[in-house]
PDB file of all heavy atoms in Angstrom:
ATOM      1  N   SER A   1    -168.441  49.041 -81.076  1.00  0.00           N
ATOM      2  CA  SER A   1    -167.634  49.590 -82.151  1.00  0.00           C
ATOM      3  C   SER A   1    -166.337  50.091 -81.591  1.00  0.00           C
ATOM      4  O   SER A   1    -165.319  50.128 -82.312  1.00  0.00           O
ATOM      5  CB  SER A   1    -168.341  50.833 -82.824  1.00  0.00           C
ATOM      6  OG  SER A   1    -167.570  51.434 -83.746  1.00  0.00           O
ATOM      7  N   ARG A   2    -166.196  50.509 -80.329  1.00  0.00           N
ATOM      8  CA  ARG A   2    -165.082  51.009 -79.702  1.00  0.00           C
ATOM      9  C   ARG A   2    -164.014  49.974 -79.517  1.00  0.00           C
ATOM     10  O   ARG A   2    -162.869  50.247 -79.864  1.00  0.00           O
ATOM     11  CB  ARG A   2    -165.446  51.766 -78.397  1.00  0.00           C
ATOM     12  CG  ARG A   2    -164.238  52.557 -77.829  1.00  0.00           C
ATOM     13  CD  ARG A   2    -164.413  53.045 -76.389  1.00  0.00           C
ATOM     14  NE  ARG A   2    -164.414  51.862 -75.497  1.00  0.00           N
ATOM     15  CZ  ARG A   2    -164.293  52.014 -74.195  1.00  0.00           C
ATOM     16  NH1 ARG A   2    -164.038  53.201 -73.629  1.00  0.00           N
ATOM     17  NH2 ARG A   2    -164.458  50.892 -73.398  1.00  0.00           N
ATOM     18  N   ASP A   3    -164.330  48.878 -78.806  1.00  0.00           N
ATOM     19  CA  ASP A   3    -163.348  47.842 -78.585  1.00  0.00           C
ATOM     20  C   ASP A   3    -163.755  46.449 -78.975  1.00  0.00           C
ATOM     21  O   ASP A   3    -163.011  45.603 -78.700  1.00  0.00           O
ATOM     22  CB  ASP A   3    -163.113  47.886 -77.047  1.00  0.00           C
ATOM     23  CG  ASP A   3    -164.249  47.668 -76.138  1.00  0.00           C
ATOM     24  OD1 ASP A   3    -165.443  47.258 -76.788  1.00  0.00           O
ATOM     25  OD2 ASP A   3    -164.252  47.791 -75.039  1.00  0.00           O
ATOM     26  N   GLU A   4    -164.704  46.316 -79.761  1.00  0.00           N
ATOM     27  CA  GLU A   4    -165.256  45.067 -80.235  1.00  0.00           C
ATOM     28  C   GLU A   4    -165.559  44.023 -79.110  1.00  0.00           C
ATOM     29  O   GLU A   4    -165.704  42.847 -79.423  1.00  0.00           O
ATOM     30  CB  GLU A   4    -164.169  44.414 -81.213  1.00  0.00           C
ATOM     31  CG  GLU A   4    -163.855  45.253 -82.366  1.00  0.00           C
ATOM     32  CD  GLU A   4    -165.016  45.671 -83.190  1.00  0.00           C
ATOM     33  OE1 GLU A   4    -165.845  44.715 -83.494  1.00  0.00           O
ATOM     34  OE2 GLU A   4    -165.215  46.754 -83.595  1.00  0.00           O
ATOM     35  N   SER A   5    -165.862  44.547 -77.958  1.00  0.00           N
ATOM     36  CA  SER A   5    -166.358  43.652 -76.903  1.00  0.00           C
ATOM     37  C   SER A   5    -167.811  43.204 -77.264  1.00  0.00           C
ATOM     38  O   SER A   5    -168.499  43.892 -78.035  1.00  0.00           O
ATOM     39  CB  SER A   5    -166.350  44.326 -75.527  1.00  0.00           C
ATOM     40  OG  SER A   5    -167.188  45.488 -75.646  1.00  0.00           O
ATOM     41  N   THR A   6    -168.242  42.106 -76.713  1.00  0.00           N
ATOM     42  CA  THR A   6    -169.460  41.535 -77.103  1.00  0.00           C
ATOM     43  C   THR A   6    -170.272  41.157 -75.860  1.00  0.00           C
ATOM     44  O   THR A   6    -169.645  41.102 -74.755  1.00  0.00           O
ATOM     45  CB  THR A   6    -169.400  40.285 -77.955  1.00  0.00           C
ATOM     46  OG1 THR A   6    -168.618  39.323 -77.170  1.00  0.00           O
ATOM     47  CG2 THR A   6    -168.675  40.598 -79.227  1.00  0.00           C
ATOM     48  N   ASP A   7    -171.538  41.028 -75.956  1.00  0.00           N
ATOM     49  CA  ASP A   7    -172.333  40.583 -74.838  1.00  0.00           C
ATOM     50  C   ASP A   7    -173.583  39.804 -75.346  1.00  0.00           C
ATOM     51  O   ASP A   7    -173.946  39.942 -76.484  1.00  0.00           O
ATOM     52  CB  ASP A   7    -172.898  41.881 -73.970  1.00  0.00           C
ATOM     53  CG  ASP A   7    -173.253  41.515 -72.640  1.00  0.00           C
ATOM     54  OD1 ASP A   7    -173.046  40.376 -72.077  1.00  0.00           O
ATOM     55  OD2 ASP A   7    -173.800  42.446 -71.866  1.00  0.00           O
ATOM     56  N   TYR A   8    -174.157  39.044 -74.496  1.00  0.00           N
ATOM     57  CA  TYR A   8    -175.150  38.088 -74.823  1.00  0.00           C
ATOM     58  C   TYR A   8    -176.176  37.926 -73.672  1.00  0.00           C
ATOM     59  O   TYR A   8    -175.849  38.115 -72.565  1.00  0.00           O
ATOM     60  CB  TYR A   8    -174.658  36.734 -75.101  1.00  0.00           C
ATOM     61  CG  TYR A   8    -173.648  36.555 -76.235  1.00  0.00           C
ATOM     62  CD1 TYR A   8    -172.256  36.751 -75.969  1.00  0.00           C
ATOM     63  CD2 TYR A   8    -174.084  36.432 -77.593  1.00  0.00           C
ATOM     64  CE1 TYR A   8    -171.414  36.715 -77.008  1.00  0.00           C
ATOM     65  CE2 TYR A   8    -173.178  36.357 -78.575  1.00  0.00           C
ATOM     66  CZ  TYR A   8    -171.762  36.516 -78.304  1.00  0.00           C
ATOM     67  OH  TYR A   8    -170.947  36.399 -79.423  1.00  0.00           O
ATOM     68  N   ALA A   9    -177.421  37.956 -74.020  1.00  0.00           N
ATOM     69  CA  ALA A   9    -178.370  37.589 -73.049  1.00  0.00           C
ATOM     70  C   ALA A   9    -178.163  36.178 -72.520  1.00  0.00           C
ATOM     71  O   ALA A   9    -177.613  35.272 -73.272  1.00  0.00           O
ATOM     72  CB  ALA A   9    -179.920  37.611 -73.686  1.00  0.00           C
ATOM     73  N   ALA A  10    -178.545  36.044 -71.219  1.00  0.00           N
ATOM     74  CA  ALA A  10    -178.285  34.781 -70.553  1.00  0.00           C
ATOM     75  C   ALA A  10    -178.988  33.553 -71.281  1.00  0.00           C
ATOM     76  O   ALA A  10    -178.420  32.570 -71.355  1.00  0.00           O
ATOM     77  CB  ALA A  10    -178.805  34.934 -69.148  1.00  0.00           C
ATOM     78  N   SER A  11    -180.067  33.818 -71.889  1.00  0.00           N
ATOM     79  CA  SER A  11    -180.888  32.731 -72.549  1.00  0.00           C
ATOM     80  C   SER A  11    -180.155  32.221 -73.756  1.00  0.00           C
ATOM     81  O   SER A  11    -180.436  31.213 -74.214  1.00  0.00           O
ATOM     82  CB  SER A  11    -182.302  33.291 -72.892  1.00  0.00           C
ATOM     83  OG  SER A  11    -182.156  34.329 -73.757  1.00  0.00           O
ATOM     84  N   VAL A  12    -179.160  33.083 -74.328  1.00  0.00           N
ATOM     85  CA  VAL A  12    -178.526  32.611 -75.590  1.00  0.00           C
ATOM     86  C   VAL A  12    -177.071  32.382 -75.428  1.00  0.00           C
ATOM     87  O   VAL A  12    -176.378  31.838 -76.372  1.00  0.00           O
ATOM     88  CB  VAL A  12    -178.770  33.531 -76.852  1.00  0.00           C
ATOM     89  CG1 VAL A  12    -180.293  33.832 -76.887  1.00  0.00           C
ATOM     90  CG2 VAL A  12    -177.943  34.814 -76.520  1.00  0.00           C
ATOM     91  N   LYS A  13    -176.503  32.807 -74.270  1.00  0.00           N
ATOM     92  CA  LYS A  13    -175.050  32.695 -74.104  1.00  0.00           C
ATOM     93  C   LYS A  13    -174.546  31.252 -74.264  1.00  0.00           C
ATOM     94  O   LYS A  13    -175.205  30.323 -73.772  1.00  0.00           O
ATOM     95  CB  LYS A  13    -174.676  33.262 -72.734  1.00  0.00           C
ATOM     96  CG  LYS A  13    -173.109  33.403 -72.547  1.00  0.00           C
ATOM     97  CD  LYS A  13    -172.847  34.161 -71.247  1.00  0.00           C
ATOM     98  CE  LYS A  13    -171.318  34.366 -71.066  1.00  0.00           C
ATOM     99  NZ  LYS A  13    -170.877  35.408 -72.155  1.00  0.00           N
ATOM    100  N   GLY A  14    -173.531  31.019 -74.988  1.00  0.00           N
ATOM    101  CA  GLY A  14    -172.962  29.778 -75.321  1.00  0.00           C
ATOM    102  C   GLY A  14    -173.509  29.153 -76.539  1.00  0.00           C
ATOM    103  O   GLY A  14    -173.038  28.052 -77.024  1.00  0.00           O
ATOM    104  N   ARG A  15    -174.698  29.660 -76.994  1.00  0.00           N
ATOM    105  CA  ARG A  15    -175.315  29.116 -78.218  1.00  0.00           C
ATOM    106  C   ARG A  15    -175.239  29.990 -79.455  1.00  0.00           C
ATOM    107  O   ARG A  15    -175.100  29.633 -80.596  1.00  0.00           O
ATOM    108  CB  ARG A  15    -176.710  28.825 -77.895  1.00  0.00           C
ATOM    109  CG  ARG A  15    -177.027  27.703 -76.889  1.00  0.00           C
ATOM    110  CD  ARG A  15    -178.481  27.322 -76.779  1.00  0.00           C
ATOM    111  NE  ARG A  15    -179.380  28.414 -76.382  1.00  0.00           N
ATOM    112  CZ  ARG A  15    -180.327  28.866 -77.076  1.00  0.00           C
ATOM    113  NH1 ARG A  15    -180.631  28.412 -78.279  1.00  0.00           N
ATOM    114  NH2 ARG A  15    -181.087  29.969 -76.657  1.00  0.00           N
ATOM    115  N   PHE A  16    -175.235  31.376 -79.191  1.00  0.00           N
ATOM    116  CA  PHE A  16    -175.184  32.419 -80.271  1.00  0.00           C
ATOM    117  C   PHE A  16    -173.830  33.106 -80.212  1.00  0.00           C
ATOM    118  O   PHE A  16    -173.270  33.271 -79.176  1.00  0.00           O
ATOM    119  CB  PHE A  16    -176.269  33.466 -79.964  1.00  0.00           C
ATOM    120  CG  PHE A  16    -177.646  32.990 -80.167  1.00  0.00           C
ATOM    121  CD1 PHE A  16    -178.019  31.583 -80.292  1.00  0.00           C
ATOM    122  CD2 PHE A  16    -178.713  33.865 -80.185  1.00  0.00           C
ATOM    123  CE1 PHE A  16    -179.292  31.181 -80.442  1.00  0.00           C
ATOM    124  CE2 PHE A  16    -180.037  33.453 -80.436  1.00  0.00           C
ATOM    125  CZ  PHE A  16    -180.259  32.203 -80.495  1.00  0.00           C
ATOM    126  N   THR A  17    -173.455  33.520 -81.398  1.00  0.00           N
ATOM    127  CA  THR A  17    -172.144  34.196 -81.456  1.00  0.00           C
ATOM    128  C   THR A  17    -172.318  35.374 -82.419  1.00  0.00           C
ATOM    129  O   THR A  17    -172.878  35.197 -83.645  1.00  0.00           O
ATOM    130  CB  THR A  17    -170.979  33.281 -82.064  1.00  0.00           C
ATOM    131  OG1 THR A  17    -170.811  32.240 -81.227  1.00  0.00           O
ATOM    132  CG2 THR A  17    -169.666  34.082 -82.126  1.00  0.00           C
ATOM    133  N   ILE A  18    -171.947  36.478 -82.069  1.00  0.00           N
ATOM    134  CA  ILE A  18    -172.001  37.794 -82.830  1.00  0.00           C
ATOM    135  C   ILE A  18    -170.636  38.015 -83.405  1.00  0.00           C
ATOM    136  O   ILE A  18    -169.650  37.892 -82.769  1.00  0.00           O
ATOM    137  CB  ILE A  18    -172.625  38.917 -82.041  1.00  0.00           C
ATOM    138  CG1 ILE A  18    -172.923  40.163 -82.934  1.00  0.00           C
ATOM    139  CG2 ILE A  18    -171.647  39.458 -80.985  1.00  0.00           C
ATOM    140  CD1 ILE A  18    -173.732  41.211 -82.367  1.00  0.00           C
ATOM    141  N   SER A  19    -170.659  38.563 -84.536  1.00  0.00           N
ATOM    142  CA  SER A  19    -169.399  38.879 -85.304  1.00  0.00           C
ATOM    143  C   SER A  19    -169.536  39.906 -86.321  1.00  0.00           C
ATOM    144  O   SER A  19    -170.588  40.183 -86.742  1.00  0.00           O
ATOM    145  CB  SER A  19    -168.727  37.609 -85.931  1.00  0.00           C
ATOM    146  OG  SER A  19    -169.556  37.086 -86.873  1.00  0.00           O
ATOM    147  N   ARG A  20    -168.453  40.504 -86.744  1.00  0.00           N
ATOM    148  CA  ARG A  20    -168.330  41.609 -87.835  1.00  0.00           C
ATOM    149  C   ARG A  20    -167.444  40.889 -88.939  1.00  0.00           C
ATOM    150  O   ARG A  20    -166.559  40.335 -88.797  1.00  0.00           O
ATOM    151  CB  ARG A  20    -167.840  42.840 -87.334  1.00  0.00           C
ATOM    152  CG  ARG A  20    -168.546  43.692 -86.340  1.00  0.00           C
ATOM    153  CD  ARG A  20    -167.820  45.000 -86.065  1.00  0.00           C
ATOM    154  NE  ARG A  20    -168.421  45.785 -85.012  1.00  0.00           N
ATOM    155  CZ  ARG A  20    -169.336  46.663 -85.248  1.00  0.00           C
ATOM    156  NH1 ARG A  20    -169.752  46.898 -86.520  1.00  0.00           N
ATOM    157  NH2 ARG A  20    -169.811  47.316 -84.262  1.00  0.00           N
ATOM    158  N   ASP A  21    -167.939  41.484 -90.116  1.00  0.00           N
ATOM    159  CA  ASP A  21    -167.054  41.341 -91.323  1.00  0.00           C
ATOM    160  C   ASP A  21    -166.872  42.742 -91.964  1.00  0.00           C
ATOM    161  O   ASP A  21    -167.789  43.243 -92.574  1.00  0.00           O
ATOM    162  CB  ASP A  21    -167.572  40.314 -92.286  1.00  0.00           C
ATOM    163  CG  ASP A  21    -166.557  40.062 -93.529  1.00  0.00           C
ATOM    164  OD1 ASP A  21    -165.906  40.879 -93.850  1.00  0.00           O
ATOM    165  OD2 ASP A  21    -166.614  38.872 -93.981  1.00  0.00           O
ATOM    166  N   LYS A  22    -165.821  43.397 -91.551  1.00  0.00           N
ATOM    167  CA  LYS A  22    -165.717  44.773 -92.101  1.00  0.00           C
ATOM    168  C   LYS A  22    -165.635  44.882 -93.510  1.00  0.00           C
ATOM    169  O   LYS A  22    -166.257  45.928 -94.078  1.00  0.00           O
ATOM    170  CB  LYS A  22    -164.458  45.481 -91.385  1.00  0.00           C
ATOM    171  CG  LYS A  22    -164.499  45.656 -89.922  1.00  0.00           C
ATOM    172  CD  LYS A  22    -163.280  46.267 -89.343  1.00  0.00           C
ATOM    173  CE  LYS A  22    -162.993  47.590 -89.859  1.00  0.00           C
ATOM    174  NZ  LYS A  22    -161.778  48.310 -89.274  1.00  0.00           N
ATOM    175  N   ALA A  23    -164.926  44.011 -94.216  1.00  0.00           N
ATOM    176  CA  ALA A  23    -164.800  44.068 -95.644  1.00  0.00           C
ATOM    177  C   ALA A  23    -166.262  43.901 -96.304  1.00  0.00           C
ATOM    178  O   ALA A  23    -166.440  44.533 -97.359  1.00  0.00           O
ATOM    179  CB  ALA A  23    -163.957  42.952 -96.156  1.00  0.00           C
ATOM    180  N   LYS A  24    -167.110  43.191 -95.799  1.00  0.00           N
ATOM    181  CA  LYS A  24    -168.510  43.052 -96.355  1.00  0.00           C
ATOM    182  C   LYS A  24    -169.468  44.080 -95.734  1.00  0.00           C
ATOM    183  O   LYS A  24    -170.578  44.046 -96.080  1.00  0.00           O
ATOM    184  CB  LYS A  24    -168.963  41.630 -96.113  1.00  0.00           C
ATOM    185  CG  LYS A  24    -168.143  40.534 -96.808  1.00  0.00           C
ATOM    186  CD  LYS A  24    -168.736  39.204 -96.512  1.00  0.00           C
ATOM    187  CE  LYS A  24    -167.997  38.200 -97.374  1.00  0.00           C
ATOM    188  NZ  LYS A  24    -168.438  36.793 -97.069  1.00  0.00           N
ATOM    189  N   ASN A  25    -169.030  44.762 -94.742  1.00  0.00           N
ATOM    190  CA  ASN A  25    -169.892  45.727 -94.079  1.00  0.00           C
ATOM    191  C   ASN A  25    -171.204  45.019 -93.425  1.00  0.00           C
ATOM    192  O   ASN A  25    -172.310  45.400 -93.740  1.00  0.00           O
ATOM    193  CB  ASN A  25    -170.315  46.861 -94.943  1.00  0.00           C
ATOM    194  CG  ASN A  25    -170.972  48.085 -94.128  1.00  0.00           C
ATOM    195  OD1 ASN A  25    -170.588  48.352 -93.145  1.00  0.00           O
ATOM    196  ND2 ASN A  25    -171.948  48.670 -94.781  1.00  0.00           N
ATOM    197  N   MET A  26    -170.906  43.898 -92.768  1.00  0.00           N
ATOM    198  CA  MET A  26    -171.998  43.100 -92.240  1.00  0.00           C
ATOM    199  C   MET A  26    -171.705  42.713 -90.779  1.00  0.00           C
ATOM    200  O   MET A  26    -170.559  42.650 -90.331  1.00  0.00           O
ATOM    201  CB  MET A  26    -172.138  41.926 -93.127  1.00  0.00           C
ATOM    202  CG  MET A  26    -172.618  42.133 -94.488  1.00  0.00           C
ATOM    203  SD  MET A  26    -172.834  40.732 -95.584  1.00  0.00           S
ATOM    204  CE  MET A  26    -174.303  40.075 -94.912  1.00  0.00           C
ATOM    205  N   VAL A  27    -172.764  42.475 -90.145  1.00  0.00           N
ATOM    206  CA  VAL A  27    -172.674  41.958 -88.755  1.00  0.00           C
ATOM    207  C   VAL A  27    -173.513  40.761 -88.807  1.00  0.00           C
ATOM    208  O   VAL A  27    -174.612  40.637 -89.303  1.00  0.00           O
ATOM    209  CB  VAL A  27    -173.253  42.806 -87.652  1.00  0.00           C
ATOM    210  CG1 VAL A  27    -173.227  42.170 -86.299  1.00  0.00           C
ATOM    211  CG2 VAL A  27    -172.249  44.042 -87.652  1.00  0.00           C
ATOM    212  N   PHE A  28    -172.905  39.633 -88.214  1.00  0.00           N
ATOM    213  CA  PHE A  28    -173.685  38.324 -88.178  1.00  0.00           C
ATOM    214  C   PHE A  28    -174.000  37.799 -86.813  1.00  0.00           C
ATOM    215  O   PHE A  28    -173.532  38.234 -85.791  1.00  0.00           O
ATOM    216  CB  PHE A  28    -172.737  37.192 -88.810  1.00  0.00           C
ATOM    217  CG  PHE A  28    -172.265  37.597 -90.171  1.00  0.00           C
ATOM    218  CD1 PHE A  28    -170.996  38.088 -90.412  1.00  0.00           C
ATOM    219  CD2 PHE A  28    -173.088  37.422 -91.268  1.00  0.00           C
ATOM    220  CE1 PHE A  28    -170.546  38.351 -91.631  1.00  0.00           C
ATOM    221  CE2 PHE A  28    -172.645  37.688 -92.463  1.00  0.00           C
ATOM    222  CZ  PHE A  28    -171.327  38.184 -92.670  1.00  0.00           C
ATOM    223  N   LEU A  29    -175.033  37.056 -86.734  1.00  0.00           N
ATOM    224  CA  LEU A  29    -175.406  36.332 -85.590  1.00  0.00           C
ATOM    225  C   LEU A  29    -175.630  34.873 -85.923  1.00  0.00           C
ATOM    226  O   LEU A  29    -176.489  34.530 -86.468  1.00  0.00           O
ATOM    227  CB  LEU A  29    -176.800  36.898 -84.888  1.00  0.00           C
ATOM    228  CG  LEU A  29    -177.157  36.262 -83.596  1.00  0.00           C
ATOM    229  CD1 LEU A  29    -176.122  36.715 -82.480  1.00  0.00           C
ATOM    230  CD2 LEU A  29    -178.605  36.757 -83.250  1.00  0.00           C
ATOM    231  N   GLN A  30    -174.608  34.126 -85.393  1.00  0.00           N
ATOM    232  CA  GLN A  30    -174.606  32.653 -85.669  1.00  0.00           C
ATOM    233  C   GLN A  30    -175.456  31.976 -84.499  1.00  0.00           C
ATOM    234  O   GLN A  30    -175.039  32.206 -83.335  1.00  0.00           O
ATOM    235  CB  GLN A  30    -173.186  32.165 -85.725  1.00  0.00           C
ATOM    236  CG  GLN A  30    -173.150  30.573 -85.835  1.00  0.00           C
ATOM    237  CD  GLN A  30    -173.618  30.090 -87.180  1.00  0.00           C
ATOM    238  OE1 GLN A  30    -173.362  30.664 -88.220  1.00  0.00           O
ATOM    239  NE2 GLN A  30    -174.492  29.112 -87.146  1.00  0.00           N
ATOM    240  N   MET A  31    -176.463  31.319 -84.829  1.00  0.00           N
ATOM    241  CA  MET A  31    -177.281  30.783 -83.814  1.00  0.00           C
ATOM    242  C   MET A  31    -177.362  29.194 -83.960  1.00  0.00           C
ATOM    243  O   MET A  31    -177.704  28.653 -84.953  1.00  0.00           O
ATOM    244  CB  MET A  31    -178.796  31.235 -83.923  1.00  0.00           C
ATOM    245  CG  MET A  31    -178.910  32.695 -83.960  1.00  0.00           C
ATOM    246  SD  MET A  31    -180.576  33.340 -84.008  1.00  0.00           S
ATOM    247  CE  MET A  31    -181.155  32.667 -85.622  1.00  0.00           C
ATOM    248  N   ASN A  32    -176.725  28.558 -82.860  1.00  0.00           N
ATOM    249  CA  ASN A  32    -176.702  27.132 -82.826  1.00  0.00           C
ATOM    250  C   ASN A  32    -177.600  26.528 -81.722  1.00  0.00           C
ATOM    251  O   ASN A  32    -177.929  27.283 -80.828  1.00  0.00           O
ATOM    252  CB  ASN A  32    -175.215  26.701 -82.575  1.00  0.00           C
ATOM    253  CG  ASN A  32    -174.289  27.134 -83.705  1.00  0.00           C
ATOM    254  OD1 ASN A  32    -174.587  27.175 -84.862  1.00  0.00           O
ATOM    255  ND2 ASN A  32    -173.070  27.453 -83.387  1.00  0.00           N
ATOM    256  N   ASN A  33    -177.897  25.263 -81.757  1.00  0.00           N
ATOM    257  CA  ASN A  33    -178.547  24.676 -80.854  1.00  0.00           C
ATOM    258  C   ASN A  33    -179.881  25.283 -80.491  1.00  0.00           C
ATOM    259  O   ASN A  33    -180.315  25.581 -79.320  1.00  0.00           O
ATOM    260  CB  ASN A  33    -177.835  24.490 -79.474  1.00  0.00           C
ATOM    261  CG  ASN A  33    -176.457  23.626 -79.673  1.00  0.00           C
ATOM    262  OD1 ASN A  33    -176.536  22.537 -80.358  1.00  0.00           O
ATOM    263  ND2 ASN A  33    -175.418  24.209 -79.087  1.00  0.00           N
ATOM    264  N   LEU A  34    -180.585  25.658 -81.579  1.00  0.00           N
ATOM    265  CA  LEU A  34    -181.807  26.480 -81.491  1.00  0.00           C
ATOM    266  C   LEU A  34    -182.929  25.713 -80.641  1.00  0.00           C
ATOM    267  O   LEU A  34    -183.042  24.485 -80.800  1.00  0.00           O
ATOM    268  CB  LEU A  34    -182.265  26.958 -82.841  1.00  0.00           C
ATOM    269  CG  LEU A  34    -181.373  28.009 -83.393  1.00  0.00           C
ATOM    270  CD1 LEU A  34    -181.759  28.131 -84.897  1.00  0.00           C
ATOM    271  CD2 LEU A  34    -181.765  29.337 -82.733  1.00  0.00           C
ATOM    272  N   GLU A  35    -183.688  26.515 -79.891  1.00  0.00           N
ATOM    273  CA  GLU A  35    -184.803  25.922 -79.102  1.00  0.00           C
ATOM    274  C   GLU A  35    -186.104  26.609 -79.470  1.00  0.00           C
ATOM    275  O   GLU A  35    -186.090  27.818 -80.129  1.00  0.00           O
ATOM    276  CB  GLU A  35    -184.478  26.200 -77.564  1.00  0.00           C
ATOM    277  CG  GLU A  35    -183.145  25.612 -77.156  1.00  0.00           C
ATOM    278  CD  GLU A  35    -182.749  26.211 -75.770  1.00  0.00           C
ATOM    279  OE1 GLU A  35    -183.497  26.964 -75.316  1.00  0.00           O
ATOM    280  OE2 GLU A  35    -181.727  25.644 -75.236  1.00  0.00           O
ATOM    281  N   PRO A  36    -187.181  25.986 -79.245  1.00  0.00           N
ATOM    282  CA  PRO A  36    -188.416  26.723 -79.652  1.00  0.00           C
ATOM    283  C   PRO A  36    -188.548  27.976 -78.981  1.00  0.00           C
ATOM    284  O   PRO A  36    -189.220  28.967 -79.531  1.00  0.00           O
ATOM    285  CB  PRO A  36    -189.560  25.664 -78.961  1.00  0.00           C
ATOM    286  CG  PRO A  36    -188.840  24.387 -79.145  1.00  0.00           C
ATOM    287  CD  PRO A  36    -187.417  24.576 -78.764  1.00  0.00           C
ATOM    288  N   GLY A  37    -187.990  28.205 -77.814  1.00  0.00           N
ATOM    289  CA  GLY A  37    -188.119  29.570 -77.144  1.00  0.00           C
ATOM    290  C   GLY A  37    -187.240  30.679 -77.956  1.00  0.00           C
ATOM    291  O   GLY A  37    -187.529  31.825 -77.586  1.00  0.00           O
ATOM    292  N   ASP A  38    -186.500  30.269 -78.856  1.00  0.00           N
ATOM    293  CA  ASP A  38    -185.872  31.171 -79.751  1.00  0.00           C
ATOM    294  C   ASP A  38    -186.742  31.821 -80.831  1.00  0.00           C
ATOM    295  O   ASP A  38    -186.267  32.718 -81.519  1.00  0.00           O
ATOM    296  CB  ASP A  38    -184.574  30.662 -80.403  1.00  0.00           C
ATOM    297  CG  ASP A  38    -183.517  30.204 -79.280  1.00  0.00           C
ATOM    298  OD1 ASP A  38    -183.376  30.951 -78.346  1.00  0.00           O
ATOM    299  OD2 ASP A  38    -182.926  29.052 -79.475  1.00  0.00           O
ATOM    300  N   THR A  39    -187.859  31.135 -80.953  1.00  0.00           N
ATOM    301  CA  THR A  39    -188.724  31.628 -82.008  1.00  0.00           C
ATOM    302  C   THR A  39    -189.093  33.129 -81.837  1.00  0.00           C
ATOM    303  O   THR A  39    -189.661  33.501 -80.838  1.00  0.00           O
ATOM    304  CB  THR A  39    -190.044  30.783 -82.104  1.00  0.00           C
ATOM    305  OG1 THR A  39    -189.661  29.453 -82.437  1.00  0.00           O
ATOM    306  CG2 THR A  39    -191.072  31.294 -83.095  1.00  0.00           C
ATOM    307  N   ALA A  40    -188.862  33.895 -82.857  1.00  0.00           N
ATOM    308  CA  ALA A  40    -189.177  35.333 -82.739  1.00  0.00           C
ATOM    309  C   ALA A  40    -188.882  36.032 -84.076  1.00  0.00           C
ATOM    310  O   ALA A  40    -188.202  35.374 -84.998  1.00  0.00           O
ATOM    311  CB  ALA A  40    -188.410  36.052 -81.663  1.00  0.00           C
ATOM    312  N   VAL A  41    -189.192  37.295 -84.146  1.00  0.00           N
ATOM    313  CA  VAL A  41    -188.578  38.202 -85.233  1.00  0.00           C
ATOM    314  C   VAL A  41    -187.296  38.779 -84.664  1.00  0.00           C
ATOM    315  O   VAL A  41    -187.271  39.261 -83.535  1.00  0.00           O
ATOM    316  CB  VAL A  41    -189.534  39.226 -85.727  1.00  0.00           C
ATOM    317  CG1 VAL A  41    -188.950  40.097 -86.689  1.00  0.00           C
ATOM    318  CG2 VAL A  41    -190.820  38.607 -86.219  1.00  0.00           C
ATOM    319  N   TYR A  42    -186.283  38.681 -85.403  1.00  0.00           N
ATOM    320  CA  TYR A  42    -184.931  39.099 -84.960  1.00  0.00           C
ATOM    321  C   TYR A  42    -184.667  40.483 -85.749  1.00  0.00           C
ATOM    322  O   TYR A  42    -184.826  40.569 -86.915  1.00  0.00           O
ATOM    323  CB  TYR A  42    -183.880  38.062 -85.182  1.00  0.00           C
ATOM    324  CG  TYR A  42    -183.864  37.041 -84.308  1.00  0.00           C
ATOM    325  CD1 TYR A  42    -184.876  36.073 -84.188  1.00  0.00           C
ATOM    326  CD2 TYR A  42    -182.828  36.810 -83.252  1.00  0.00           C
ATOM    327  CE1 TYR A  42    -184.932  35.106 -83.252  1.00  0.00           C
ATOM    328  CE2 TYR A  42    -182.869  35.937 -82.326  1.00  0.00           C
ATOM    329  CZ  TYR A  42    -183.978  34.954 -82.276  1.00  0.00           C
ATOM    330  OH  TYR A  42    -183.996  33.947 -81.417  1.00  0.00           O
ATOM    331  N   PHE A  43    -184.251  41.380 -84.911  1.00  0.00           N
ATOM    332  CA  PHE A  43    -183.840  42.712 -85.468  1.00  0.00           C
ATOM    333  C   PHE A  43    -182.378  43.125 -85.108  1.00  0.00           C
ATOM    334  O   PHE A  43    -181.882  42.739 -84.122  1.00  0.00           O
ATOM    335  CB  PHE A  43    -184.743  43.858 -84.949  1.00  0.00           C
ATOM    336  CG  PHE A  43    -186.226  43.621 -85.069  1.00  0.00           C
ATOM    337  CD1 PHE A  43    -186.927  42.815 -84.023  1.00  0.00           C
ATOM    338  CD2 PHE A  43    -186.983  44.176 -86.081  1.00  0.00           C
ATOM    339  CE1 PHE A  43    -188.243  42.684 -84.116  1.00  0.00           C
ATOM    340  CE2 PHE A  43    -188.401  43.963 -86.195  1.00  0.00           C
ATOM    341  CZ  PHE A  43    -188.989  43.243 -85.201  1.00  0.00           C
TER     342      PHE A  43
END
């Protein structure tokens, strides 16, 4: 929230992208090139 810096787990870096849309009051996680190891409940 302070500087909009982002971070990613090594297992998803390069495949996932986090972003904000302030107007919609939402945060997104774009997940590409999904693998079976990504199967989980996401919070």
